[in-house]
N, C-alpha and C. Protein backbone atom coordinates (compact mmCIF):
# COMPACT_ATOMS: atom_id res chain seq x y z
N MET A 1 -1.21 16.97 33.11
CA MET A 1 -1.30 16.09 31.96
C MET A 1 0.03 16.16 31.21
N ALA A 2 0.58 15.01 30.84
CA ALA A 2 1.84 14.96 30.09
C ALA A 2 1.64 15.61 28.73
N GLU A 3 2.76 16.05 28.16
CA GLU A 3 2.72 16.78 26.90
C GLU A 3 2.09 15.97 25.76
N ASP A 4 2.31 14.65 25.74
CA ASP A 4 1.78 13.84 24.64
C ASP A 4 0.38 13.29 24.92
N GLU A 5 -0.20 13.63 26.08
CA GLU A 5 -1.55 13.19 26.40
C GLU A 5 -2.54 14.28 26.03
N HIS A 6 -3.72 13.86 25.65
CA HIS A 6 -4.80 14.80 25.38
C HIS A 6 -6.12 14.10 25.67
N SER A 7 -7.14 14.89 25.90
CA SER A 7 -8.43 14.25 26.13
C SER A 7 -9.04 13.93 24.78
N GLY A 8 -9.57 12.72 24.70
CA GLY A 8 -10.16 12.25 23.45
C GLY A 8 -11.55 12.80 23.26
N PRO A 9 -12.17 12.38 22.20
CA PRO A 9 -13.53 12.85 21.92
C PRO A 9 -14.51 12.28 22.95
N SER A 10 -15.61 12.95 23.09
CA SER A 10 -16.68 12.46 23.96
C SER A 10 -17.37 11.31 23.22
N LEU A 11 -17.40 10.15 23.83
CA LEU A 11 -17.94 8.96 23.17
C LEU A 11 -19.26 8.56 23.80
N PRO A 12 -20.20 8.12 22.97
CA PRO A 12 -21.50 7.68 23.51
C PRO A 12 -21.36 6.32 24.20
N LYS A 13 -22.37 5.99 24.99
CA LYS A 13 -22.42 4.68 25.63
C LYS A 13 -22.47 3.62 24.52
N PRO A 14 -21.66 2.55 24.62
CA PRO A 14 -21.62 1.56 23.54
C PRO A 14 -22.93 0.76 23.43
N SER A 15 -23.33 0.53 22.20
CA SER A 15 -24.50 -0.33 21.95
C SER A 15 -24.03 -1.77 21.88
N ALA A 16 -24.97 -2.70 21.94
CA ALA A 16 -24.63 -4.13 21.82
C ALA A 16 -23.98 -4.40 20.47
N ASP A 17 -24.49 -3.79 19.40
CA ASP A 17 -23.91 -4.00 18.06
C ASP A 17 -22.49 -3.46 17.98
N GLN A 18 -22.26 -2.27 18.55
CA GLN A 18 -20.91 -1.70 18.53
C GLN A 18 -19.95 -2.59 19.33
N PHE A 19 -20.40 -3.10 20.45
CA PHE A 19 -19.57 -3.98 21.26
C PHE A 19 -19.20 -5.23 20.48
N LYS A 20 -20.20 -5.88 19.86
CA LYS A 20 -19.94 -7.10 19.08
C LYS A 20 -18.99 -6.82 17.91
N THR A 21 -19.21 -5.73 17.20
CA THR A 21 -18.35 -5.37 16.07
C THR A 21 -16.92 -5.12 16.54
N SER A 22 -16.77 -4.44 17.63
CA SER A 22 -15.43 -4.14 18.16
C SER A 22 -14.72 -5.40 18.63
N MET A 23 -15.45 -6.34 19.22
CA MET A 23 -14.85 -7.58 19.69
C MET A 23 -14.39 -8.48 18.54
N ARG A 24 -14.89 -8.24 17.34
CA ARG A 24 -14.46 -9.03 16.18
C ARG A 24 -12.99 -8.76 15.84
N HIS A 25 -12.42 -7.71 16.40
CA HIS A 25 -11.00 -7.42 16.18
C HIS A 25 -10.09 -8.32 17.01
N LEU A 26 -10.65 -9.03 17.96
CA LEU A 26 -9.87 -9.93 18.81
C LEU A 26 -9.82 -11.30 18.16
N ALA A 27 -8.65 -11.66 17.63
CA ALA A 27 -8.48 -12.99 17.01
C ALA A 27 -8.45 -14.04 18.11
N GLY A 28 -9.02 -15.20 17.82
CA GLY A 28 -9.05 -16.24 18.84
C GLY A 28 -8.92 -17.63 18.25
N ALA A 29 -8.37 -18.53 19.06
CA ALA A 29 -8.33 -19.94 18.68
C ALA A 29 -9.75 -20.47 18.69
N VAL A 30 -10.06 -21.36 17.77
CA VAL A 30 -11.40 -21.92 17.67
C VAL A 30 -11.43 -23.25 18.42
N CYS A 31 -12.41 -23.37 19.30
CA CYS A 31 -12.59 -24.59 20.09
C CYS A 31 -14.00 -25.11 19.89
N VAL A 32 -14.17 -26.41 20.07
CA VAL A 32 -15.49 -27.01 20.13
C VAL A 32 -15.61 -27.63 21.52
N VAL A 33 -16.68 -27.26 22.21
CA VAL A 33 -16.95 -27.79 23.54
C VAL A 33 -18.05 -28.83 23.40
N THR A 34 -17.75 -30.06 23.83
CA THR A 34 -18.73 -31.15 23.75
C THR A 34 -19.28 -31.45 25.13
N THR A 35 -20.55 -31.82 25.17
CA THR A 35 -21.19 -32.14 26.44
C THR A 35 -22.41 -33.01 26.19
N GLY A 36 -22.96 -33.58 27.23
CA GLY A 36 -24.12 -34.44 27.11
C GLY A 36 -23.72 -35.87 26.81
N GLU A 37 -24.73 -36.74 26.76
CA GLU A 37 -24.48 -38.17 26.53
C GLU A 37 -25.52 -38.74 25.59
N GLY A 38 -25.12 -39.74 24.81
CA GLY A 38 -26.04 -40.44 23.92
C GLY A 38 -26.75 -39.49 22.97
N ASP A 39 -28.07 -39.69 22.85
CA ASP A 39 -28.87 -38.84 21.97
C ASP A 39 -28.98 -37.41 22.50
N GLN A 40 -28.63 -37.21 23.76
CA GLN A 40 -28.72 -35.89 24.38
C GLN A 40 -27.41 -35.10 24.28
N ARG A 41 -26.41 -35.66 23.60
CA ARG A 41 -25.15 -34.94 23.48
C ARG A 41 -25.33 -33.76 22.53
N THR A 42 -24.56 -32.74 22.79
CA THR A 42 -24.60 -31.51 22.01
C THR A 42 -23.26 -30.82 22.18
N GLY A 43 -23.17 -29.58 21.84
CA GLY A 43 -21.92 -28.85 21.98
C GLY A 43 -21.99 -27.53 21.25
N PHE A 44 -20.91 -26.78 21.34
CA PHE A 44 -20.89 -25.45 20.73
C PHE A 44 -19.48 -25.06 20.35
N THR A 45 -19.38 -24.13 19.40
CA THR A 45 -18.10 -23.56 19.00
C THR A 45 -17.82 -22.37 19.90
N ALA A 46 -16.57 -22.25 20.36
CA ALA A 46 -16.21 -21.16 21.27
C ALA A 46 -14.83 -20.60 20.92
N THR A 47 -14.71 -19.29 21.03
CA THR A 47 -13.39 -18.66 20.98
C THR A 47 -13.07 -18.05 22.34
N SER A 48 -14.04 -18.03 23.23
CA SER A 48 -13.83 -17.49 24.58
C SER A 48 -13.46 -18.62 25.54
N VAL A 49 -12.25 -19.13 25.37
CA VAL A 49 -11.72 -20.20 26.22
C VAL A 49 -10.41 -19.69 26.82
N THR A 50 -10.25 -19.86 28.13
CA THR A 50 -9.08 -19.32 28.82
C THR A 50 -8.59 -20.30 29.88
N ALA A 51 -7.27 -20.46 29.95
CA ALA A 51 -6.68 -21.21 31.06
C ALA A 51 -6.86 -20.36 32.31
N LEU A 52 -7.28 -20.97 33.39
CA LEU A 52 -7.53 -20.22 34.62
C LEU A 52 -6.43 -20.45 35.64
N SER A 53 -6.05 -21.71 35.87
CA SER A 53 -5.02 -22.03 36.85
C SER A 53 -4.33 -23.33 36.45
N ALA A 54 -3.02 -23.39 36.68
CA ALA A 54 -2.29 -24.64 36.44
C ALA A 54 -2.22 -25.47 37.72
N ASP A 55 -2.40 -24.81 38.87
CA ASP A 55 -2.36 -25.48 40.17
C ASP A 55 -3.76 -25.98 40.49
N GLY A 56 -4.00 -27.24 40.20
CA GLY A 56 -5.37 -27.74 40.14
C GLY A 56 -5.89 -27.23 38.82
N PRO A 57 -5.45 -27.84 37.70
CA PRO A 57 -5.67 -27.23 36.38
C PRO A 57 -7.14 -26.97 36.10
N THR A 58 -7.43 -25.71 35.82
CA THR A 58 -8.80 -25.31 35.50
C THR A 58 -8.78 -24.47 34.23
N ILE A 59 -9.88 -24.56 33.52
CA ILE A 59 -10.06 -23.86 32.26
C ILE A 59 -11.47 -23.29 32.27
N MET A 60 -11.69 -22.18 31.57
CA MET A 60 -13.03 -21.62 31.57
C MET A 60 -13.47 -21.21 30.17
N THR A 61 -14.77 -21.21 30.01
CA THR A 61 -15.41 -20.74 28.79
C THR A 61 -16.74 -20.12 29.19
N ALA A 62 -17.45 -19.60 28.22
CA ALA A 62 -18.75 -19.01 28.50
C ALA A 62 -19.73 -19.42 27.42
N LEU A 63 -21.00 -19.57 27.82
CA LEU A 63 -22.03 -19.90 26.85
C LEU A 63 -23.35 -19.31 27.26
N ASN A 64 -24.22 -19.14 26.29
CA ASN A 64 -25.53 -18.57 26.51
C ASN A 64 -26.39 -19.55 27.31
N ARG A 65 -27.04 -19.05 28.34
CA ARG A 65 -27.86 -19.91 29.20
C ARG A 65 -29.14 -20.39 28.52
N GLY A 66 -29.48 -19.81 27.39
CA GLY A 66 -30.66 -20.26 26.66
C GLY A 66 -30.36 -21.41 25.70
N SER A 67 -29.10 -21.81 25.62
CA SER A 67 -28.71 -22.84 24.65
C SER A 67 -28.94 -24.25 25.19
N SER A 68 -29.10 -25.20 24.27
CA SER A 68 -29.23 -26.61 24.66
C SER A 68 -27.93 -27.10 25.29
N SER A 69 -26.80 -26.53 24.89
CA SER A 69 -25.51 -26.93 25.46
C SER A 69 -25.44 -26.60 26.95
N TRP A 70 -25.95 -25.44 27.33
CA TRP A 70 -25.93 -25.07 28.75
C TRP A 70 -26.78 -26.06 29.56
N ARG A 71 -27.94 -26.39 29.06
CA ARG A 71 -28.81 -27.32 29.80
C ARG A 71 -28.14 -28.69 29.95
N ALA A 72 -27.51 -29.18 28.90
CA ALA A 72 -26.83 -30.49 28.95
C ALA A 72 -25.62 -30.44 29.87
N LEU A 73 -24.86 -29.36 29.81
CA LEU A 73 -23.66 -29.23 30.65
C LEU A 73 -24.04 -29.13 32.12
N GLU A 74 -25.05 -28.33 32.40
CA GLU A 74 -25.50 -28.16 33.79
C GLU A 74 -26.02 -29.48 34.35
N ARG A 75 -26.71 -30.24 33.54
CA ARG A 75 -27.28 -31.52 33.97
C ARG A 75 -26.18 -32.59 34.12
N GLY A 76 -25.30 -32.73 33.13
CA GLY A 76 -24.29 -33.78 33.13
C GLY A 76 -23.04 -33.47 33.93
N ARG A 77 -22.73 -32.17 34.10
CA ARG A 77 -21.61 -31.69 34.92
C ARG A 77 -20.24 -32.12 34.40
N HIS A 78 -20.14 -32.38 33.10
CA HIS A 78 -18.83 -32.62 32.50
C HIS A 78 -18.85 -32.12 31.06
N PHE A 79 -17.66 -31.82 30.54
CA PHE A 79 -17.54 -31.33 29.18
C PHE A 79 -16.10 -31.52 28.71
N CYS A 80 -15.89 -31.40 27.41
CA CYS A 80 -14.56 -31.52 26.84
C CYS A 80 -14.33 -30.34 25.91
N ILE A 81 -13.23 -29.62 26.12
CA ILE A 81 -12.85 -28.50 25.26
C ILE A 81 -11.80 -29.01 24.28
N ASN A 82 -12.11 -28.91 22.99
CA ASN A 82 -11.22 -29.36 21.91
C ASN A 82 -10.69 -28.14 21.17
N ILE A 83 -9.37 -27.95 21.16
CA ILE A 83 -8.76 -26.88 20.38
C ILE A 83 -8.59 -27.40 18.95
N LEU A 84 -9.23 -26.73 18.00
CA LEU A 84 -9.29 -27.23 16.64
C LEU A 84 -8.06 -26.88 15.81
N SER A 85 -7.72 -27.79 14.91
CA SER A 85 -6.66 -27.53 13.94
C SER A 85 -7.32 -26.95 12.68
N ALA A 86 -6.49 -26.43 11.79
CA ALA A 86 -6.99 -25.80 10.57
C ALA A 86 -7.85 -26.75 9.74
N GLU A 87 -7.62 -28.03 9.86
CA GLU A 87 -8.39 -29.01 9.08
C GLU A 87 -9.80 -29.24 9.62
N HIS A 88 -10.15 -28.64 10.74
CA HIS A 88 -11.44 -28.87 11.38
C HIS A 88 -12.45 -27.74 11.19
N GLN A 89 -12.30 -26.96 10.15
CA GLN A 89 -13.21 -25.84 9.93
C GLN A 89 -14.67 -26.31 9.78
N ALA A 90 -14.89 -27.42 9.10
CA ALA A 90 -16.26 -27.93 8.93
C ALA A 90 -16.87 -28.33 10.28
N VAL A 91 -16.05 -28.86 11.18
CA VAL A 91 -16.53 -29.22 12.52
C VAL A 91 -16.93 -27.95 13.27
N ALA A 92 -16.09 -26.92 13.19
CA ALA A 92 -16.40 -25.65 13.85
C ALA A 92 -17.71 -25.08 13.33
N GLN A 93 -17.90 -25.13 12.03
CA GLN A 93 -19.13 -24.61 11.43
C GLN A 93 -20.35 -25.40 11.89
N SER A 94 -20.22 -26.72 11.95
CA SER A 94 -21.33 -27.56 12.38
C SER A 94 -21.75 -27.24 13.81
N PHE A 95 -20.77 -27.06 14.70
CA PHE A 95 -21.06 -26.79 16.11
C PHE A 95 -21.46 -25.32 16.36
N SER A 96 -21.26 -24.45 15.37
CA SER A 96 -21.60 -23.04 15.54
C SER A 96 -23.11 -22.81 15.56
N GLY A 97 -23.86 -23.76 15.00
CA GLY A 97 -25.30 -23.61 14.94
C GLY A 97 -25.79 -22.93 13.67
N PHE A 98 -24.89 -22.35 12.88
CA PHE A 98 -25.31 -21.63 11.67
C PHE A 98 -25.63 -22.57 10.51
N GLY A 99 -25.16 -23.80 10.54
CA GLY A 99 -25.44 -24.74 9.46
C GLY A 99 -26.73 -25.50 9.63
N GLY A 100 -27.42 -25.29 10.74
CA GLY A 100 -28.69 -25.96 10.99
C GLY A 100 -28.59 -27.25 11.79
N ALA A 101 -27.37 -27.80 11.95
CA ALA A 101 -27.22 -29.03 12.74
C ALA A 101 -27.48 -28.74 14.21
N GLN A 102 -28.19 -29.66 14.87
CA GLN A 102 -28.50 -29.50 16.29
C GLN A 102 -28.16 -30.77 17.03
N GLY A 103 -27.90 -30.63 18.32
CA GLY A 103 -27.69 -31.78 19.19
C GLY A 103 -26.66 -32.76 18.67
N ALA A 104 -26.99 -34.05 18.73
CA ALA A 104 -26.06 -35.11 18.34
C ALA A 104 -25.70 -35.06 16.86
N ASP A 105 -26.52 -34.42 16.02
CA ASP A 105 -26.21 -34.30 14.59
C ASP A 105 -24.94 -33.49 14.34
N ARG A 106 -24.56 -32.65 15.28
CA ARG A 106 -23.35 -31.83 15.12
C ARG A 106 -22.08 -32.69 15.07
N TYR A 107 -22.15 -33.90 15.58
CA TYR A 107 -20.98 -34.78 15.65
C TYR A 107 -20.72 -35.53 14.34
N GLU A 108 -21.67 -35.50 13.42
CA GLU A 108 -21.54 -36.24 12.17
C GLU A 108 -20.42 -35.66 11.31
N GLY A 109 -19.71 -36.55 10.60
CA GLY A 109 -18.66 -36.12 9.70
C GLY A 109 -17.30 -35.99 10.34
N ALA A 110 -17.18 -36.33 11.62
CA ALA A 110 -15.89 -36.28 12.33
C ALA A 110 -15.78 -37.52 13.20
N ARG A 111 -14.55 -37.81 13.62
CA ARG A 111 -14.32 -38.98 14.49
C ARG A 111 -14.09 -38.50 15.92
N TRP A 112 -14.75 -39.16 16.87
CA TRP A 112 -14.72 -38.78 18.27
C TRP A 112 -14.34 -39.99 19.12
N TRP A 113 -13.75 -39.72 20.28
CA TRP A 113 -13.47 -40.79 21.25
C TRP A 113 -13.77 -40.26 22.64
N GLN A 114 -14.16 -41.18 23.52
CA GLN A 114 -14.61 -40.81 24.86
C GLN A 114 -13.45 -40.72 25.84
N MET A 115 -13.43 -39.63 26.60
CA MET A 115 -12.41 -39.44 27.63
C MET A 115 -12.96 -39.91 28.98
N GLU A 116 -12.16 -39.74 30.03
CA GLU A 116 -12.46 -40.28 31.36
C GLU A 116 -13.83 -39.90 31.90
N THR A 117 -14.21 -38.63 31.80
CA THR A 117 -15.49 -38.18 32.38
C THR A 117 -16.68 -38.49 31.49
N GLY A 118 -16.41 -38.95 30.28
CA GLY A 118 -17.48 -39.18 29.31
C GLY A 118 -17.51 -38.13 28.22
N GLY A 119 -16.70 -37.06 28.39
CA GLY A 119 -16.61 -36.03 27.37
C GLY A 119 -16.03 -36.58 26.08
N LEU A 120 -16.49 -36.06 24.94
CA LEU A 120 -16.01 -36.55 23.66
C LEU A 120 -14.90 -35.65 23.11
N ALA A 121 -13.78 -36.30 22.76
CA ALA A 121 -12.62 -35.62 22.19
C ALA A 121 -12.64 -35.82 20.68
N LEU A 122 -12.27 -34.78 19.97
CA LEU A 122 -12.20 -34.82 18.51
C LEU A 122 -10.86 -35.41 18.08
N GLU A 123 -10.91 -36.44 17.27
CA GLU A 123 -9.68 -37.04 16.76
C GLU A 123 -8.92 -36.01 15.94
N GLY A 124 -7.64 -35.80 16.27
CA GLY A 124 -6.81 -34.85 15.56
C GLY A 124 -6.87 -33.42 16.08
N ALA A 125 -7.65 -33.17 17.14
CA ALA A 125 -7.66 -31.83 17.74
C ALA A 125 -6.27 -31.54 18.28
N LEU A 126 -5.87 -30.27 18.30
CA LEU A 126 -4.55 -29.92 18.83
C LEU A 126 -4.44 -30.32 20.30
N ALA A 127 -5.52 -30.12 21.05
CA ALA A 127 -5.57 -30.54 22.45
C ALA A 127 -7.03 -30.73 22.84
N SER A 128 -7.27 -31.68 23.72
CA SER A 128 -8.61 -31.93 24.26
C SER A 128 -8.50 -31.96 25.78
N PHE A 129 -9.32 -31.14 26.44
CA PHE A 129 -9.31 -31.02 27.89
C PHE A 129 -10.61 -31.62 28.43
N ASP A 130 -10.50 -32.73 29.12
CA ASP A 130 -11.63 -33.44 29.70
C ASP A 130 -11.90 -32.84 31.07
N CYS A 131 -13.09 -32.26 31.26
CA CYS A 131 -13.36 -31.46 32.46
C CYS A 131 -14.60 -31.89 33.21
N GLU A 132 -14.54 -31.73 34.52
CA GLU A 132 -15.71 -31.78 35.39
C GLU A 132 -16.10 -30.35 35.69
N LEU A 133 -17.39 -30.07 35.70
CA LEU A 133 -17.86 -28.73 36.03
C LEU A 133 -17.54 -28.44 37.49
N GLU A 134 -16.68 -27.46 37.71
CA GLU A 134 -16.33 -27.09 39.08
C GLU A 134 -17.20 -25.94 39.57
N GLU A 135 -17.48 -25.00 38.68
CA GLU A 135 -18.30 -23.86 39.07
C GLU A 135 -18.90 -23.22 37.83
N ALA A 136 -20.09 -22.69 37.97
CA ALA A 136 -20.73 -21.91 36.92
C ALA A 136 -21.15 -20.58 37.53
N ILE A 137 -20.70 -19.51 36.92
CA ILE A 137 -21.03 -18.17 37.40
C ILE A 137 -22.03 -17.57 36.41
N ILE A 138 -23.20 -17.25 36.90
CA ILE A 138 -24.23 -16.68 36.04
C ILE A 138 -23.98 -15.18 35.93
N HIS A 139 -23.88 -14.71 34.69
CA HIS A 139 -23.68 -13.29 34.43
C HIS A 139 -24.57 -12.88 33.26
N ARG A 140 -25.63 -12.20 33.57
CA ARG A 140 -26.60 -11.74 32.59
C ARG A 140 -27.11 -12.91 31.75
N SER A 141 -26.91 -12.88 30.44
CA SER A 141 -27.45 -13.94 29.57
C SER A 141 -26.57 -15.18 29.50
N HIS A 142 -25.39 -15.12 30.08
CA HIS A 142 -24.41 -16.20 29.91
C HIS A 142 -24.01 -16.86 31.23
N ALA A 143 -23.41 -18.02 31.10
CA ALA A 143 -22.80 -18.72 32.24
C ALA A 143 -21.31 -18.81 31.95
N ILE A 144 -20.50 -18.38 32.90
CA ILE A 144 -19.06 -18.57 32.84
C ILE A 144 -18.80 -19.92 33.49
N VAL A 145 -18.27 -20.84 32.72
CA VAL A 145 -18.13 -22.22 33.15
C VAL A 145 -16.67 -22.51 33.47
N ILE A 146 -16.40 -22.96 34.68
CA ILE A 146 -15.05 -23.31 35.10
C ILE A 146 -14.97 -24.82 35.24
N GLY A 147 -14.04 -25.40 34.51
CA GLY A 147 -13.88 -26.85 34.51
C GLY A 147 -12.58 -27.28 35.15
N LEU A 148 -12.66 -28.27 36.02
CA LEU A 148 -11.47 -28.91 36.58
C LEU A 148 -11.01 -29.95 35.57
N VAL A 149 -9.81 -29.79 35.05
CA VAL A 149 -9.30 -30.66 34.00
C VAL A 149 -8.89 -32.00 34.62
N ARG A 150 -9.50 -33.08 34.14
CA ARG A 150 -9.20 -34.43 34.63
C ARG A 150 -8.15 -35.13 33.78
N THR A 151 -8.24 -34.99 32.47
CA THR A 151 -7.24 -35.57 31.56
C THR A 151 -7.07 -34.64 30.37
N ILE A 152 -5.90 -34.74 29.73
CA ILE A 152 -5.58 -33.94 28.55
C ILE A 152 -4.98 -34.84 27.49
N ALA A 153 -5.43 -34.68 26.25
CA ALA A 153 -4.81 -35.35 25.10
C ALA A 153 -4.28 -34.25 24.19
N THR A 154 -3.02 -34.37 23.78
CA THR A 154 -2.40 -33.35 22.93
C THR A 154 -1.86 -33.97 21.66
N PHE A 155 -2.23 -33.38 20.53
CA PHE A 155 -1.74 -33.79 19.21
C PHE A 155 -1.38 -32.51 18.46
N ASP A 156 -0.14 -32.08 18.57
CA ASP A 156 0.23 -30.76 18.05
C ASP A 156 0.90 -30.80 16.67
N ALA A 157 0.49 -31.72 15.81
CA ALA A 157 1.12 -31.86 14.50
C ALA A 157 0.59 -30.87 13.47
N ASN A 158 -0.50 -30.18 13.74
CA ASN A 158 -1.13 -29.30 12.76
C ASN A 158 -1.13 -27.85 13.22
N GLU A 159 -1.52 -26.97 12.32
CA GLU A 159 -1.68 -25.55 12.62
C GLU A 159 -3.06 -25.31 13.23
N PRO A 160 -3.21 -24.25 14.05
CA PRO A 160 -4.51 -23.98 14.67
C PRO A 160 -5.50 -23.33 13.71
N LEU A 161 -6.77 -23.50 14.01
CA LEU A 161 -7.83 -22.78 13.32
C LEU A 161 -8.11 -21.52 14.15
N LEU A 162 -8.16 -20.38 13.49
CA LEU A 162 -8.39 -19.10 14.16
C LEU A 162 -9.68 -18.47 13.65
N TYR A 163 -10.21 -17.53 14.43
CA TYR A 163 -11.40 -16.78 14.02
C TYR A 163 -11.11 -15.31 14.23
N TRP A 164 -11.31 -14.52 13.17
CA TRP A 164 -11.02 -13.09 13.24
C TRP A 164 -11.91 -12.36 12.26
N ARG A 165 -12.53 -11.29 12.72
CA ARG A 165 -13.41 -10.45 11.90
C ARG A 165 -14.50 -11.26 11.20
N GLY A 166 -15.07 -12.20 11.94
CA GLY A 166 -16.21 -12.94 11.43
C GLY A 166 -15.89 -14.05 10.45
N ALA A 167 -14.61 -14.45 10.37
CA ALA A 167 -14.24 -15.51 9.42
C ALA A 167 -13.17 -16.41 10.02
N TYR A 168 -13.17 -17.65 9.56
CA TYR A 168 -12.12 -18.59 9.97
C TYR A 168 -10.83 -18.22 9.24
N ARG A 169 -9.71 -18.32 9.94
CA ARG A 169 -8.40 -17.97 9.38
C ARG A 169 -7.42 -19.08 9.71
N HIS A 170 -6.34 -19.11 8.94
CA HIS A 170 -5.27 -20.08 9.14
C HIS A 170 -3.96 -19.32 9.25
N LEU A 171 -3.06 -19.80 10.08
CA LEU A 171 -1.72 -19.22 10.15
C LEU A 171 -0.95 -19.59 8.90
N LYS A 172 -0.16 -18.67 8.41
CA LYS A 172 0.71 -18.97 7.26
C LYS A 172 2.13 -19.01 7.76
N ALA A 173 2.77 -20.17 7.63
CA ALA A 173 4.13 -20.35 8.14
C ALA A 173 5.14 -19.66 7.25
């Protein structure tokens, strides 16, 4: 063992609450994922969004399999990931499910436009990725969703909306 190394304390197996609390230290960009069509459209707020590959551009996110968004995404096989700007905090809150809005009601109060696959892009989002469902990997309570990006709209005039320690944050220039 190197001189500056030492064995740490004996730690218990992490609980779900400890895991969730510890993950709150990871700051993330706030995204809204839209899916479904017509009265069946829905969506969710996500910070677990990752670029997967640029060669055959793919992006991934994860969502709870018990959610209405998972059922709509699995059925429709397309979705749109919108990276939110700081001005879209109310949209993020609406899609988070904590304000009581459900399904198509989550879209109220914002302007949307339809992309190639039918996914809805948020007007003024920093970027919107129009995706076809390429693969869904079931892992315990969640589905890891991999989308093949068909089109991208980018509007980078604003600052991003971030989420850290259970609250929305803004970058200060």
